[in-house]
Protein backbone atom coordinates (compact mmCIF):
# COMPACT_ATOMS: atom_id res chain seq x y z
CA HIS A 1 -1.75 -7.52 8.14
CA MET A 2 -0.74 -4.41 6.74
CA PRO A 3 3.50 -4.79 5.07
CA GLU A 4 5.45 -2.70 7.07
CA LEU A 5 7.70 -0.24 4.79
CA ASN A 6 11.79 -1.47 5.03
CA ALA A 7 14.40 1.22 5.38
CA VAL A 8 14.33 2.57 2.14
CA GLY A 9 10.36 2.97 1.36
CA ASP A 10 10.13 -0.48 -0.04
CA LEU A 11 7.48 -2.42 0.60
CA VAL A 12 8.11 -5.90 1.97
CA LEU A 13 5.34 -7.52 1.74
CA THR A 14 4.56 -10.88 3.98
CA ASN A 15 1.04 -11.93 4.22
CA PRO A 16 0.14 -14.81 1.39
CA ALA A 17 -2.91 -12.93 0.59
CA ALA A 18 -1.35 -10.10 -0.29
CA MET A 19 0.77 -11.28 -2.47
CA GLU A 20 -2.40 -13.96 -4.17
CA ALA A 21 -3.34 -9.61 -4.52
CA LEU A 22 -0.76 -8.10 -6.51
CA ALA A 23 0.01 -11.75 -8.97
CA ASP A 24 -2.67 -10.56 -10.78
CA PRO A 25 -1.79 -8.93 -13.49
CA ALA A 26 -3.71 -6.29 -14.07
CA ARG A 27 -3.08 -5.48 -10.24
CA LEU A 28 0.33 -5.24 -10.01
CA GLU A 29 0.24 -2.90 -13.76
CA LEU A 30 -2.43 -0.64 -11.78
CA LEU A 31 0.63 -0.53 -8.74
CA ASP A 32 3.42 0.31 -10.99
CA ASP A 33 1.55 3.03 -12.93
CA LEU A 34 0.83 4.59 -8.72
CA ARG A 35 4.55 4.29 -8.27
CA ARG A 36 4.99 5.89 -11.26
CA ALA A 37 3.53 8.32 -12.05
CA GLY A 38 2.25 8.94 -8.86
CA PRO A 39 -1.67 10.09 -7.34
CA SER A 40 -4.18 9.74 -9.59
CA THR A 41 -7.97 9.62 -8.84
CA ALA A 42 -9.66 5.96 -10.74
CA LEU A 43 -11.07 8.06 -13.37
CA GLY A 44 -6.93 8.86 -14.34
CA LEU A 45 -5.99 5.84 -14.05
CA ALA A 46 -8.68 4.37 -16.13
CA ALA A 47 -7.64 6.12 -18.94
CA ARG A 48 -3.85 6.44 -18.56
CA LEU A 49 -4.40 2.50 -18.13
CA ARG A 50 -7.31 2.16 -21.14
CA SER A 51 -9.30 0.03 -18.37
CA GLY A 52 -12.90 0.59 -16.65
CA GLN A 53 -12.76 2.49 -13.93
CA SER A 54 -15.39 -0.17 -12.20
CA ALA A 55 -13.11 -2.89 -13.00
CA LEU A 56 -9.96 -0.59 -11.14
CA GLU A 57 -11.93 0.27 -8.61
CA VAL A 58 -12.84 -2.96 -7.33
CA ASP A 59 -8.98 -3.59 -8.06
CA LEU A 60 -7.82 -0.65 -5.79
CA ARG A 61 -9.45 -1.65 -3.24
CA GLU A 62 -8.22 -5.32 -2.86
CA LEU A 63 -4.98 -3.85 -3.00
CA GLU A 64 -6.12 -1.30 -0.37
CA ALA A 65 -7.90 -4.03 2.16
CA HIS A 66 -3.33 -5.29 1.85
CA GLY A 67 -2.08 -1.90 2.49
CA LEU A 68 -1.04 -1.91 -1.24
CA VAL A 69 -2.52 1.73 -2.20
CA THR A 70 -4.14 5.13 -0.57
CA GLN A 71 -6.59 7.27 -1.09
CA ASP A 72 -6.34 11.11 0.52
CA ASP A 73 -8.97 13.46 1.17
CA GLU A 74 -8.82 14.46 -2.57
CA ARG A 75 -10.18 10.64 -3.74
CA ARG A 76 -6.65 10.83 -5.40
CA TRP A 77 -4.80 7.26 -5.01
CA GLN A 78 -1.17 6.47 -4.47
CA ALA A 79 0.87 3.58 -3.75
CA ALA A 80 1.88 2.91 -0.18
CA GLY A 81 5.18 2.16 -0.73
CA LYS A 82 8.74 3.07 -3.49
CA GLY A 83 8.43 -0.60 -4.38
CA LEU A 84 8.04 -4.01 -3.75
CA VAL A 85 10.34 -6.84 -1.48
CA PHE A 86 8.95 -10.21 -0.85
CA GLU A 87 10.23 -13.04 1.96
CA ILE A 88 9.30 -16.60 0.40
CA PRO A 89 6.88 -18.21 3.56
CA GLU A 90 7.47 -21.30 5.46
CA ASP A 91 3.62 -22.51 4.79
CA PRO A 92 2.84 -24.77 1.71
CA GLU A 93 0.30 -21.41 0.92
CA GLY A 94 2.73 -18.81 1.38
CA GLN A 95 5.51 -20.81 -0.72
CA ALA A 96 2.35 -20.88 -3.23
CA ALA A 97 1.12 -17.73 -3.32
CA ALA A 98 4.52 -15.82 -3.79
CA ARG A 99 5.54 -18.39 -6.61
CA ARG A 100 2.94 -17.28 -8.89
CA LEU A 101 3.45 -13.29 -7.68
CA SER A 102 7.13 -14.66 -8.53
CA ASN A 103 6.14 -15.57 -11.83
CA THR A 104 3.39 -12.48 -12.34
CA MET A 105 7.00 -10.43 -11.78
CA LEU A 106 8.95 -12.52 -14.31
CA LEU A 107 6.29 -12.05 -17.45
CA ARG A 108 5.65 -7.94 -16.87
CA TYR A 109 9.33 -6.99 -15.64
CA GLY A 110 11.85 -9.54 -17.33
CA THR A 111 14.39 -10.76 -15.61
CA GLY A 112 15.42 -7.53 -15.43
CA ALA A 113 13.14 -7.05 -12.84
CA THR A 114 13.99 -4.52 -9.88
CA VAL A 115 12.44 -6.14 -7.88
CA ARG A 116 15.45 -6.99 -4.67
CA PRO A 117 14.69 -10.60 -3.17
CA THR A 118 15.94 -10.44 0.49
CA CYS A 119 18.98 -13.24 1.36
CA SER A 120 16.46 -15.17 3.46
CA ALA A 121 13.87 -15.09 -0.04
CA ILE A 122 16.89 -15.88 -1.84
CA ARG A 123 18.10 -19.75 0.81
CA GLN A 124 14.46 -20.15 1.14
CA ALA A 125 13.98 -20.13 -3.58
CA SER A 126 16.18 -22.67 -2.95
CA ARG A 127 13.73 -25.36 -1.34
CA ILE A 128 10.92 -24.92 -2.83
CA PRO A 129 9.91 -27.67 -5.33
């Protein structure tokens, strides 16, 4: 199930598999780069991120499978939203995925994260062990 965009253009993640995909630090960096720098080919991304193109393409396909990035007719990749928000699901598997994504984001952004948790995420967070 693909993420929706909220009123300000952020992806709203509710699918644990999408959260797991972004919990990988390299994929989160990739999405961040596309959000900041704009559309790019895999070759351009590989050069900017100093990453191998084949590994990067695997990550791009994984992000695409979850609706987090898209590719245009000129083979340029772009972020599907301006930012992202996620809610902590009710089920244990979803809670674990949200926790992993949250930890990855905390390591990447520190306490000044640009992630805006929704009210229900804050309510749910208090129930996570």
